[in-house]
């Protein structure tokens, strides 16, 4: 018997999030327990923070943020380098 894998998809309900949900459901296997989580809920957003999620969509597999979803999101130095806050 295969061990069940816990797949969590963090979503804000946007088109990009919906595409990711479709993708995860399409490539998921019978041993994948897929759960879609709404980032508009405070508890979900707090949980996302514990995984280091900085932008959505994001996918967590067995408690680990998928590499494709890590390290994204705005950060001050990148925004400043792009000209934000420069007069």
C-alpha atoms as a PDB file:
ATOM      1  CA  UNK A   1       0.000   0.000   0.000  1.00  0.00           C
ATOM      2  CA  UNK A   2       1.347   3.421  -0.975  1.00  0.00           C
ATOM      3  CA  UNK A   3       1.661   6.126   1.645  1.00  0.00           C
ATOM      4  CA  UNK A   4      -0.756   9.029   1.171  1.00  0.00           C
ATOM      5  CA  UNK A   5       0.892  12.304   0.207  1.00  0.00           C
ATOM      6  CA  UNK A   6      -0.573  15.532   1.559  1.00  0.00           C
ATOM      7  CA  UNK A   7      -0.756  18.216  -1.121  1.00  0.00           C
ATOM      8  CA  UNK A   8      -1.779  21.738  -0.069  1.00  0.00           C
ATOM      9  CA  UNK A   9      -2.515  24.393  -2.685  1.00  0.00           C
ATOM     10  CA  UNK A  10      -2.574  27.942  -1.313  1.00  0.00           C
ATOM     11  CA  UNK A  11      -4.846  30.064  -3.494  1.00  0.00           C
ATOM     12  CA  UNK A  12      -6.333  33.550  -3.617  1.00  0.00           C
ATOM     13  CA  UNK A  13      -8.919  32.569  -6.220  1.00  0.00           C
ATOM     14  CA  UNK A  14      -7.227  34.347  -9.133  1.00  0.00           C
ATOM     15  CA  UNK A  15      -6.848  32.927 -12.636  1.00  0.00           C
ATOM     16  CA  UNK A  16      -3.224  31.873 -12.010  1.00  0.00           C
ATOM     17  CA  UNK A  17      -4.293  30.078  -8.833  1.00  0.00           C
ATOM     18  CA  UNK A  18      -7.113  28.306 -10.671  1.00  0.00           C
ATOM     19  CA  UNK A  19      -4.637  27.122 -13.337  1.00  0.00           C
ATOM     20  CA  UNK A  20      -2.410  25.678 -10.627  1.00  0.00           C
ATOM     21  CA  UNK A  21      -5.349  23.906  -8.979  1.00  0.00           C
ATOM     22  CA  UNK A  22      -6.264  22.333 -12.328  1.00  0.00           C
ATOM     23  CA  UNK A  23      -2.622  21.293 -12.889  1.00  0.00           C
ATOM     24  CA  UNK A  24      -2.255  19.744  -9.427  1.00  0.00           C
ATOM     25  CA  UNK A  25      -5.534  17.849  -9.818  1.00  0.00           C
ATOM     26  CA  UNK A  26      -4.509  16.671 -13.297  1.00  0.00           C
ATOM     27  CA  UNK A  27      -1.100  15.308 -12.296  1.00  0.00           C
ATOM     28  CA  UNK A  28      -2.088  14.130  -8.817  1.00  0.00           C
ATOM     29  CA  UNK A  29      -2.219  10.387  -8.233  1.00  0.00           C
ATOM     30  CA  UNK A  30      -4.595   8.213  -6.226  1.00  0.00           C
ATOM     31  CA  UNK A  31      -2.247   8.446  -3.217  1.00  0.00           C
ATOM     32  CA  UNK A  32      -2.384  12.280  -3.277  1.00  0.00           C
ATOM     33  CA  UNK A  33      -4.712  13.981  -0.806  1.00  0.00           C
ATOM     34  CA  UNK A  34      -5.187  17.415  -2.378  1.00  0.00           C
ATOM     35  CA  UNK A  35      -6.498  20.316  -0.311  1.00  0.00           C
ATOM     36  CA  UNK A  36      -7.100  23.825  -1.686  1.00  0.00           C
ATOM     37  CA  UNK A  37      -6.674  26.548   0.934  1.00  0.00           C
ATOM     38  CA  UNK A  38      -8.139  30.055   0.666  1.00  0.00           C
ATOM     39  CA  UNK A  39      -5.568  32.735   1.502  1.00  0.00           C
ATOM     40  CA  UNK A  40      -8.406  35.164   2.286  1.00  0.00           C
ATOM     41  CA  UNK A  41      -8.912  33.258   5.549  1.00  0.00           C
ATOM     42  CA  UNK A  42      -6.688  34.533   8.374  1.00  0.00           C
ATOM     43  CA  UNK A  43      -5.852  31.020   9.630  1.00  0.00           C
ATOM     44  CA  UNK A  44      -4.759  29.937   6.167  1.00  0.00           C
ATOM     45  CA  UNK A  45      -2.598  33.045   5.679  1.00  0.00           C
ATOM     46  CA  UNK A  46      -0.937  32.395   9.034  1.00  0.00           C
ATOM     47  CA  UNK A  47      -0.311  28.771   8.086  1.00  0.00           C
ATOM     48  CA  UNK A  48       1.164  29.896   4.757  1.00  0.00           C
ATOM     49  CA  UNK A  49       3.597  32.140   6.591  1.00  0.00           C
ATOM     50  CA  UNK A  50       4.923  29.150   8.562  1.00  0.00           C
ATOM     51  CA  UNK A  51       5.847  27.508   5.244  1.00  0.00           C
ATOM     52  CA  UNK A  52       7.566  30.670   4.011  1.00  0.00           C
ATOM     53  CA  UNK A  53       4.955  31.350   1.333  1.00  0.00           C
ATOM     54  CA  UNK A  54       5.287  34.894   0.010  1.00  0.00           C
ATOM     55  CA  UNK A  55       3.079  34.703  -3.069  1.00  0.00           C
ATOM     56  CA  UNK A  56       0.327  32.563  -4.513  1.00  0.00           C
ATOM     57  CA  UNK A  57      -0.328  30.157  -5.991  1.00  0.00           C
ATOM     58  CA  UNK A  58       1.908  27.989  -3.856  1.00  0.00           C
ATOM     59  CA  UNK A  59       2.039  24.217  -3.438  1.00  0.00           C
ATOM     60  CA  UNK A  60       3.197  22.371  -0.326  1.00  0.00           C
ATOM     61  CA  UNK A  61       3.887  18.643  -0.617  1.00  0.00           C
ATOM     62  CA  UNK A  62       4.134  16.644   2.591  1.00  0.00           C
ATOM     63  CA  UNK A  63       4.883  19.779   4.607  1.00  0.00           C
ATOM     64  CA  UNK A  64       7.568  21.172   2.277  1.00  0.00           C
ATOM     65  CA  UNK A  65       7.093  24.170   0.001  1.00  0.00           C
ATOM     66  CA  UNK A  66       7.730  23.040  -3.584  1.00  0.00           C
ATOM     67  CA  UNK A  67      10.930  24.546  -5.006  1.00  0.00           C
ATOM     68  CA  UNK A  68       8.987  26.195  -7.813  1.00  0.00           C
ATOM     69  CA  UNK A  69       7.046  28.207  -5.229  1.00  0.00           C
ATOM     70  CA  UNK A  70       9.899  29.332  -2.967  1.00  0.00           C
ATOM     71  CA  UNK A  71      11.657  32.672  -2.914  1.00  0.00           C
ATOM     72  CA  UNK A  72       9.073  34.615  -4.828  1.00  0.00           C
ATOM     73  CA  UNK A  73       7.224  37.703  -3.813  1.00  0.00           C
ATOM     74  CA  UNK A  74       8.203  41.332  -3.557  1.00  0.00           C
ATOM     75  CA  UNK A  75      11.083  42.421  -1.391  1.00  0.00           C
ATOM     76  CA  UNK A  76      12.224  45.930  -0.613  1.00  0.00           C
ATOM     77  CA  UNK A  77      15.681  45.797  -2.198  1.00  0.00           C
ATOM     78  CA  UNK A  78      14.361  44.494  -5.524  1.00  0.00           C
ATOM     79  CA  UNK A  79      11.594  47.108  -5.616  1.00  0.00           C
ATOM     80  CA  UNK A  80      14.023  49.910  -4.801  1.00  0.00           C
ATOM     81  CA  UNK A  81      16.417  48.677  -7.508  1.00  0.00           C
ATOM     82  CA  UNK A  82      13.510  48.869  -9.966  1.00  0.00           C
ATOM     83  CA  UNK A  83      12.939  52.518  -9.028  1.00  0.00           C
ATOM     84  CA  UNK A  84      10.263  52.426  -6.346  1.00  0.00           C
ATOM     85  CA  UNK A  85      10.724  55.242  -3.857  1.00  0.00           C
ATOM     86  CA  UNK A  86      13.253  57.068  -6.040  1.00  0.00           C
ATOM     87  CA  UNK A  87      12.380  60.687  -6.715  1.00  0.00           C
END
